[in-house]
Amino acid sequence: MRILYKVEEFSNIALSINVTFEIIKEIAETIYKNYKKYDAFIVLCGLDTICYVATIISFMFENLSKLVQVG
């Protein structure tokens, strides 16, 4: 079995108090563009932004058939 993965880096690095909807939208658009290519998605972020990003993404990706994990 072969596992394929891709690392996508974003230039917008922000603390949770500075995270804007545009940053979350960029993450969501990247997942949307690559949705058919991969079986799951992992969004890595700092400890201060995990709750904020995970909450917004969970509402943006309701009813998906693929895993989107924020950690």
PDB file of N, CA and C in Angstrom:
ATOM      1  N   MET A   1       0.847  -1.180   0.000  1.00  0.00           N
ATOM      2  CA  MET A   1       0.000   0.000   0.000  1.00  0.00           C
ATOM      3  C   MET A   1       0.888   1.237   0.000  1.00  0.00           C
ATOM      4  N   ARG A   2       0.531   2.178  -0.820  1.00  0.00           N
ATOM      5  CA  ARG A   2       1.305   3.397  -0.954  1.00  0.00           C
ATOM      6  C   ARG A   2       0.514   4.570  -0.373  1.00  0.00           C
ATOM      7  N   ILE A   3       1.154   5.370   0.427  1.00  0.00           N
ATOM      8  CA  ILE A   3       0.491   6.533   1.021  1.00  0.00           C
ATOM      9  C   ILE A   3       1.046   7.784   0.351  1.00  0.00           C
ATOM     10  N   LEU A   4       0.174   8.543  -0.260  1.00  0.00           N
ATOM     11  CA  LEU A   4       0.567   9.787  -0.906  1.00  0.00           C
ATOM     12  C   LEU A   4       0.168  10.958  -0.026  1.00  0.00           C
ATOM     13  N   TYR A   5       1.030  11.928   0.058  1.00  0.00           N
ATOM     14  CA  TYR A   5       0.698  13.122   0.827  1.00  0.00           C
ATOM     15  C   TYR A   5       1.361  14.332   0.205  1.00  0.00           C
ATOM     16  N   LYS A   6       0.852  15.490   0.534  1.00  0.00           N
ATOM     17  CA  LYS A   6       1.390  16.753   0.047  1.00  0.00           C
ATOM     18  C   LYS A   6       1.372  17.753   1.204  1.00  0.00           C
ATOM     19  N   VAL A   7       2.429  18.490   1.340  1.00  0.00           N
ATOM     20  CA  VAL A   7       2.501  19.522   2.372  1.00  0.00           C
ATOM     21  C   VAL A   7       2.274  20.864   1.700  1.00  0.00           C
ATOM     22  N   GLU A   8       1.305  21.592   2.195  1.00  0.00           N
ATOM     23  CA  GLU A   8       0.974  22.912   1.672  1.00  0.00           C
ATOM     24  C   GLU A   8       1.240  23.919   2.779  1.00  0.00           C
ATOM     25  N   GLU A   9       2.117  24.876   2.519  1.00  0.00           N
ATOM     26  CA  GLU A   9       2.431  25.902   3.524  1.00  0.00           C
ATOM     27  C   GLU A   9       1.727  27.197   3.161  1.00  0.00           C
ATOM     28  N   PHE A  10       1.286  27.895   4.184  1.00  0.00           N
ATOM     29  CA  PHE A  10       0.641  29.184   3.996  1.00  0.00           C
ATOM     30  C   PHE A  10       1.553  30.272   4.517  1.00  0.00           C
ATOM     31  N   SER A  11       1.588  31.377   3.808  1.00  0.00           N
ATOM     32  CA  SER A  11       2.470  32.470   4.210  1.00  0.00           C
ATOM     33  C   SER A  11       1.891  33.296   5.351  1.00  0.00           C
ATOM     34  N   ASN A  12       0.579  33.202   5.556  1.00  0.00           N
ATOM     35  CA  ASN A  12      -0.071  33.971   6.626  1.00  0.00           C
ATOM     36  C   ASN A  12       0.072  33.247   7.955  1.00  0.00           C
ATOM     37  N   ILE A  13       0.974  33.692   8.765  1.00  0.00           N
ATOM     38  CA  ILE A  13       1.139  33.127  10.100  1.00  0.00           C
ATOM     39  C   ILE A  13       0.590  34.159  11.083  1.00  0.00           C
ATOM     40  N   ALA A  14      -0.330  33.734  11.928  1.00  0.00           N
ATOM     41  CA  ALA A  14      -0.976  34.684  12.829  1.00  0.00           C
ATOM     42  C   ALA A  14      -1.325  34.024  14.149  1.00  0.00           C
ATOM     43  N   LEU A  15      -1.317  34.805  15.200  1.00  0.00           N
ATOM     44  CA  LEU A  15      -1.824  34.344  16.487  1.00  0.00           C
ATOM     45  C   LEU A  15      -3.339  34.283  16.409  1.00  0.00           C
ATOM     46  N   SER A  16      -3.941  33.557  17.329  1.00  0.00           N
ATOM     47  CA  SER A  16      -5.393  33.364  17.278  1.00  0.00           C
ATOM     48  C   SER A  16      -6.168  34.677  17.301  1.00  0.00           C
ATOM     49  N   ILE A  17      -5.662  35.676  18.006  1.00  0.00           N
ATOM     50  CA  ILE A  17      -6.375  36.955  18.040  1.00  0.00           C
ATOM     51  C   ILE A  17      -6.275  37.703  16.711  1.00  0.00           C
ATOM     52  N   ASN A  18      -5.308  37.304  15.862  1.00  0.00           N
ATOM     53  CA  ASN A  18      -5.125  37.958  14.575  1.00  0.00           C
ATOM     54  C   ASN A  18      -5.613  37.115  13.394  1.00  0.00           C
ATOM     55  N   VAL A  19      -6.120  35.928  13.657  1.00  0.00           N
ATOM     56  CA  VAL A  19      -6.603  35.075  12.579  1.00  0.00           C
ATOM     57  C   VAL A  19      -7.876  35.693  12.015  1.00  0.00           C
ATOM     58  N   THR A  20      -7.882  35.894  10.719  1.00  0.00           N
ATOM     59  CA  THR A  20      -9.042  36.484  10.060  1.00  0.00           C
ATOM     60  C   THR A  20      -9.784  35.420   9.267  1.00  0.00           C
ATOM     61  N   PHE A  21     -10.969  35.767   8.846  1.00  0.00           N
ATOM     62  CA  PHE A  21     -11.743  34.850   8.022  1.00  0.00           C
ATOM     63  C   PHE A  21     -11.009  34.565   6.714  1.00  0.00           C
ATOM     64  N   GLU A  22     -10.251  35.519   6.210  1.00  0.00           N
ATOM     65  CA  GLU A  22      -9.511  35.325   4.952  1.00  0.00           C
ATOM     66  C   GLU A  22      -8.485  34.202   5.089  1.00  0.00           C
ATOM     67  N   ILE A  23      -7.846  34.102   6.244  1.00  0.00           N
ATOM     68  CA  ILE A  23      -6.871  33.029   6.475  1.00  0.00           C
ATOM     69  C   ILE A  23      -7.584  31.681   6.504  1.00  0.00           C
ATOM     70  N   ILE A  24      -8.697  31.604   7.201  1.00  0.00           N
ATOM     71  CA  ILE A  24      -9.468  30.364   7.259  1.00  0.00           C
ATOM     72  C   ILE A  24     -10.016  30.021   5.874  1.00  0.00           C
ATOM     73  N   LYS A  25     -10.434  31.025   5.148  1.00  0.00           N
ATOM     74  CA  LYS A  25     -10.948  30.817   3.793  1.00  0.00           C
ATOM     75  C   LYS A  25      -9.867  30.242   2.880  1.00  0.00           C
ATOM     76  N   GLU A  26      -8.649  30.701   3.024  1.00  0.00           N
ATOM     77  CA  GLU A  26      -7.530  30.178   2.235  1.00  0.00           C
ATOM     78  C   GLU A  26      -7.307  28.687   2.526  1.00  0.00           C
ATOM     79  N   ILE A  27      -7.400  28.302   3.779  1.00  0.00           N
ATOM     80  CA  ILE A  27      -7.271  26.889   4.152  1.00  0.00           C
ATOM     81  C   ILE A  27      -8.405  26.085   3.532  1.00  0.00           C
ATOM     82  N   ALA A  28      -9.627  26.585   3.645  1.00  0.00           N
ATOM     83  CA  ALA A  28     -10.798  25.892   3.103  1.00  0.00           C
ATOM     84  C   ALA A  28     -10.716  25.756   1.591  1.00  0.00           C
ATOM     85  N   GLU A  29     -10.279  26.789   0.915  1.00  0.00           N
ATOM     86  CA  GLU A  29     -10.150  26.736  -0.545  1.00  0.00           C
ATOM     87  C   GLU A  29      -9.098  25.720  -0.977  1.00  0.00           C
ATOM     88  N   THR A  30      -8.030  25.607  -0.226  1.00  0.00           N
ATOM     89  CA  THR A  30      -6.993  24.628  -0.536  1.00  0.00           C
ATOM     90  C   THR A  30      -7.539  23.211  -0.393  1.00  0.00           C
ATOM     91  N   ILE A  31      -8.303  22.974   0.655  1.00  0.00           N
ATOM     92  CA  ILE A  31      -8.923  21.652   0.829  1.00  0.00           C
ATOM     93  C   ILE A  31      -9.906  21.388  -0.304  1.00  0.00           C
ATOM     94  N   TYR A  32     -10.709  22.370  -0.647  1.00  0.00           N
ATOM     95  CA  TYR A  32     -11.697  22.218  -1.724  1.00  0.00           C
ATOM     96  C   TYR A  32     -11.018  21.874  -3.053  1.00  0.00           C
ATOM     97  N   LYS A  33      -9.935  22.578  -3.383  1.00  0.00           N
ATOM     98  CA  LYS A  33      -9.225  22.351  -4.646  1.00  0.00           C
ATOM     99  C   LYS A  33      -8.612  20.960  -4.717  1.00  0.00           C
ATOM    100  N   ASN A  34      -8.245  20.411  -3.577  1.00  0.00           N
ATOM    101  CA  ASN A  34      -7.577  19.108  -3.536  1.00  0.00           C
ATOM    102  C   ASN A  34      -8.478  17.984  -3.047  1.00  0.00           C
ATOM    103  N   TYR A  35      -9.766  18.234  -2.924  1.00  0.00           N
ATOM    104  CA  TYR A  35     -10.694  17.279  -2.312  1.00  0.00           C
ATOM    105  C   TYR A  35     -10.707  15.924  -3.027  1.00  0.00           C
ATOM    106  N   LYS A  36     -10.669  15.921  -4.321  1.00  0.00           N
ATOM    107  CA  LYS A  36     -10.736  14.667  -5.077  1.00  0.00           C
ATOM    108  C   LYS A  36      -9.417  13.900  -5.079  1.00  0.00           C
ATOM    109  N   LYS A  37      -8.315  14.566  -4.777  1.00  0.00           N
ATOM    110  CA  LYS A  37      -6.995  13.936  -4.837  1.00  0.00           C
ATOM    111  C   LYS A  37      -6.654  13.113  -3.605  1.00  0.00           C
ATOM    112  N   TYR A  38      -7.217  13.463  -2.445  1.00  0.00           N
ATOM    113  CA  TYR A  38      -6.794  12.847  -1.191  1.00  0.00           C
ATOM    114  C   TYR A  38      -7.984  12.317  -0.398  1.00  0.00           C
ATOM    115  N   ASP A  39      -7.702  11.367   0.486  1.00  0.00           N
ATOM    116  CA  ASP A  39      -8.744  10.755   1.311  1.00  0.00           C
ATOM    117  C   ASP A  39      -8.992  11.499   2.615  1.00  0.00           C
ATOM    118  N   ALA A  40      -8.037  12.298   3.049  1.00  0.00           N
ATOM    119  CA  ALA A  40      -8.157  13.022   4.319  1.00  0.00           C
ATOM    120  C   ALA A  40      -7.253  14.245   4.277  1.00  0.00           C
ATOM    121  N   PHE A  41      -7.514  15.162   5.204  1.00  0.00           N
ATOM    122  CA  PHE A  41      -6.737  16.392   5.280  1.00  0.00           C
ATOM    123  C   PHE A  41      -6.379  16.674   6.731  1.00  0.00           C
ATOM    124  N   ILE A  42      -5.150  17.107   6.955  1.00  0.00           N
ATOM    125  CA  ILE A  42      -4.698  17.464   8.295  1.00  0.00           C
ATOM    126  C   ILE A  42      -4.234  18.914   8.250  1.00  0.00           C
ATOM    127  N   VAL A  43      -4.833  19.728   9.082  1.00  0.00           N
ATOM    128  CA  VAL A  43      -4.469  21.145   9.182  1.00  0.00           C
ATOM    129  C   VAL A  43      -3.665  21.305  10.458  1.00  0.00           C
ATOM    130  N   LEU A  44      -2.400  21.644  10.321  1.00  0.00           N
ATOM    131  CA  LEU A  44      -1.547  21.840  11.483  1.00  0.00           C
ATOM    132  C   LEU A  44      -1.466  23.324  11.807  1.00  0.00           C
ATOM    133  N   CYS A  45      -1.608  23.629  13.071  1.00  0.00           N
ATOM    134  CA  CYS A  45      -1.510  25.017  13.508  1.00  0.00           C
ATOM    135  C   CYS A  45      -1.011  25.051  14.947  1.00  0.00           C
ATOM    136  N   GLY A  46      -0.673  26.227  15.388  1.00  0.00           N
ATOM    137  CA  GLY A  46      -0.149  26.393  16.735  1.00  0.00           C
ATOM    138  C   GLY A  46      -1.212  26.187  17.797  1.00  0.00           C
ATOM    139  N   LEU A  47      -0.764  25.987  19.020  1.00  0.00           N
ATOM    140  CA  LEU A  47      -1.677  25.719  20.129  1.00  0.00           C
ATOM    141  C   LEU A  47      -2.679  26.844  20.366  1.00  0.00           C
ATOM    142  N   ASP A  48      -2.265  28.071  20.117  1.00  0.00           N
ATOM    143  CA  ASP A  48      -3.171  29.185  20.386  1.00  0.00           C
ATOM    144  C   ASP A  48      -4.256  29.344  19.316  1.00  0.00           C
ATOM    145  N   THR A  49      -4.110  28.659  18.173  1.00  0.00           N
ATOM    146  CA  THR A  49      -5.107  28.802  17.116  1.00  0.00           C
ATOM    147  C   THR A  49      -5.933  27.542  16.869  1.00  0.00           C
ATOM    148  N   ILE A  50      -5.605  26.440  17.522  1.00  0.00           N
ATOM    149  CA  ILE A  50      -6.290  25.171  17.262  1.00  0.00           C
ATOM    150  C   ILE A  50      -7.800  25.283  17.451  1.00  0.00           C
ATOM    151  N   CYS A  51      -8.239  25.772  18.584  1.00  0.00           N
ATOM    152  CA  CYS A  51      -9.684  25.839  18.871  1.00  0.00           C
ATOM    153  C   CYS A  51     -10.407  26.743  17.890  1.00  0.00           C
ATOM    154  N   TYR A  52      -9.821  27.866  17.606  1.00  0.00           N
ATOM    155  CA  TYR A  52     -10.448  28.832  16.701  1.00  0.00           C
ATOM    156  C   TYR A  52     -10.573  28.255  15.294  1.00  0.00           C
ATOM    157  N   VAL A  53      -9.468  27.739  14.760  1.00  0.00           N
ATOM    158  CA  VAL A  53      -9.462  27.186  13.405  1.00  0.00           C
ATOM    159  C   VAL A  53     -10.371  25.956  13.320  1.00  0.00           C
ATOM    160  N   ALA A  54     -10.285  25.073  14.296  1.00  0.00           N
ATOM    161  CA  ALA A  54     -11.103  23.849  14.276  1.00  0.00           C
ATOM    162  C   ALA A  54     -12.593  24.175  14.304  1.00  0.00           C
ATOM    163  N   THR A  55     -12.987  25.151  15.097  1.00  0.00           N
ATOM    164  CA  THR A  55     -14.399  25.518  15.193  1.00  0.00           C
ATOM    165  C   THR A  55     -14.922  26.047  13.868  1.00  0.00           C
ATOM    166  N   ILE A  56     -14.207  26.966  13.275  1.00  0.00           N
ATOM    167  CA  ILE A  56     -14.659  27.557  12.009  1.00  0.00           C
ATOM    168  C   ILE A  56     -14.674  26.515  10.897  1.00  0.00           C
ATOM    169  N   ILE A  57     -13.619  25.711  10.807  1.00  0.00           N
ATOM    170  CA  ILE A  57     -13.546  24.699   9.754  1.00  0.00           C
ATOM    171  C   ILE A  57     -14.643  23.647   9.925  1.00  0.00           C
ATOM    172  N   SER A  58     -14.987  23.307  11.155  1.00  0.00           N
ATOM    173  CA  SER A  58     -16.045  22.314  11.360  1.00  0.00           C
ATOM    174  C   SER A  58     -17.380  22.795  10.815  1.00  0.00           C
ATOM    175  N   PHE A  59     -17.647  24.084  10.895  1.00  0.00           N
ATOM    176  CA  PHE A  59     -18.879  24.618  10.326  1.00  0.00           C
ATOM    177  C   PHE A  59     -18.796  24.740   8.806  1.00  0.00           C
ATOM    178  N   MET A  60     -17.617  25.040   8.287  1.00  0.00           N
ATOM    179  CA  MET A  60     -17.449  25.184   6.846  1.00  0.00           C
ATOM    180  C   MET A  60     -17.545  23.849   6.119  1.00  0.00           C
ATOM    181  N   PHE A  61     -17.144  22.761   6.794  1.00  0.00           N
ATOM    182  CA  PHE A  61     -17.090  21.458   6.145  1.00  0.00           C
ATOM    183  C   PHE A  61     -18.081  20.464   6.737  1.00  0.00           C
ATOM    184  N   GLU A  62     -19.266  20.907   7.033  1.00  0.00           N
ATOM    185  CA  GLU A  62     -20.300  19.990   7.527  1.00  0.00           C
ATOM    186  C   GLU A  62     -20.655  18.982   6.440  1.00  0.00           C
ATOM    187  N   ASN A  63     -20.933  17.769   6.851  1.00  0.00           N
ATOM    188  CA  ASN A  63     -21.417  16.704   5.966  1.00  0.00           C
ATOM    189  C   ASN A  63     -20.418  16.253   4.901  1.00  0.00           C
ATOM    190  N   LEU A  64     -19.136  16.385   5.164  1.00  0.00           N
ATOM    191  CA  LEU A  64     -18.145  15.846   4.236  1.00  0.00           C
ATOM    192  C   LEU A  64     -18.001  14.360   4.446  1.00  0.00           C
ATOM    193  N   SER A  65     -17.589  13.680   3.410  1.00  0.00           N
ATOM    194  CA  SER A  65     -17.356  12.238   3.543  1.00  0.00           C
ATOM    195  C   SER A  65     -15.891  11.910   3.806  1.00  0.00           C
ATOM    196  N   LYS A  66     -15.073  12.949   3.932  1.00  0.00           N
ATOM    197  CA  LYS A  66     -13.640  12.754   4.191  1.00  0.00           C
ATOM    198  C   LYS A  66     -13.241  13.457   5.496  1.00  0.00           C
ATOM    199  N   LEU A  67     -12.196  12.932   6.097  1.00  0.00           N
ATOM    200  CA  LEU A  67     -11.698  13.484   7.363  1.00  0.00           C
ATOM    201  C   LEU A  67     -10.955  14.793   7.142  1.00  0.00           C
ATOM    202  N   VAL A  68     -11.283  15.795   7.949  1.00  0.00           N
ATOM    203  CA  VAL A  68     -10.512  17.031   8.026  1.00  0.00           C
ATOM    204  C   VAL A  68     -10.144  17.190   9.496  1.00  0.00           C
ATOM    205  N   GLN A  69      -8.883  16.973   9.816  1.00  0.00           N
ATOM    206  CA  GLN A  69      -8.402  16.989  11.192  1.00  0.00           C
ATOM    207  C   GLN A  69      -7.586  18.247  11.432  1.00  0.00           C
ATOM    208  N   VAL A  70      -7.881  18.968  12.501  1.00  0.00           N
ATOM    209  CA  VAL A  70      -7.106  20.146  12.888  1.00  0.00           C
ATOM    210  C   VAL A  70      -6.314  19.787  14.118  1.00  0.00           C
ATOM    211  N   GLY A  71      -5.035  20.033  14.080  1.00  0.00           N
ATOM    212  CA  GLY A  71      -4.193  19.677  15.212  1.00  0.00           C
ATOM    213  C   GLY A  71      -2.966  20.511  15.311  1.00  0.00           C
TER     214      GLY A  71
END
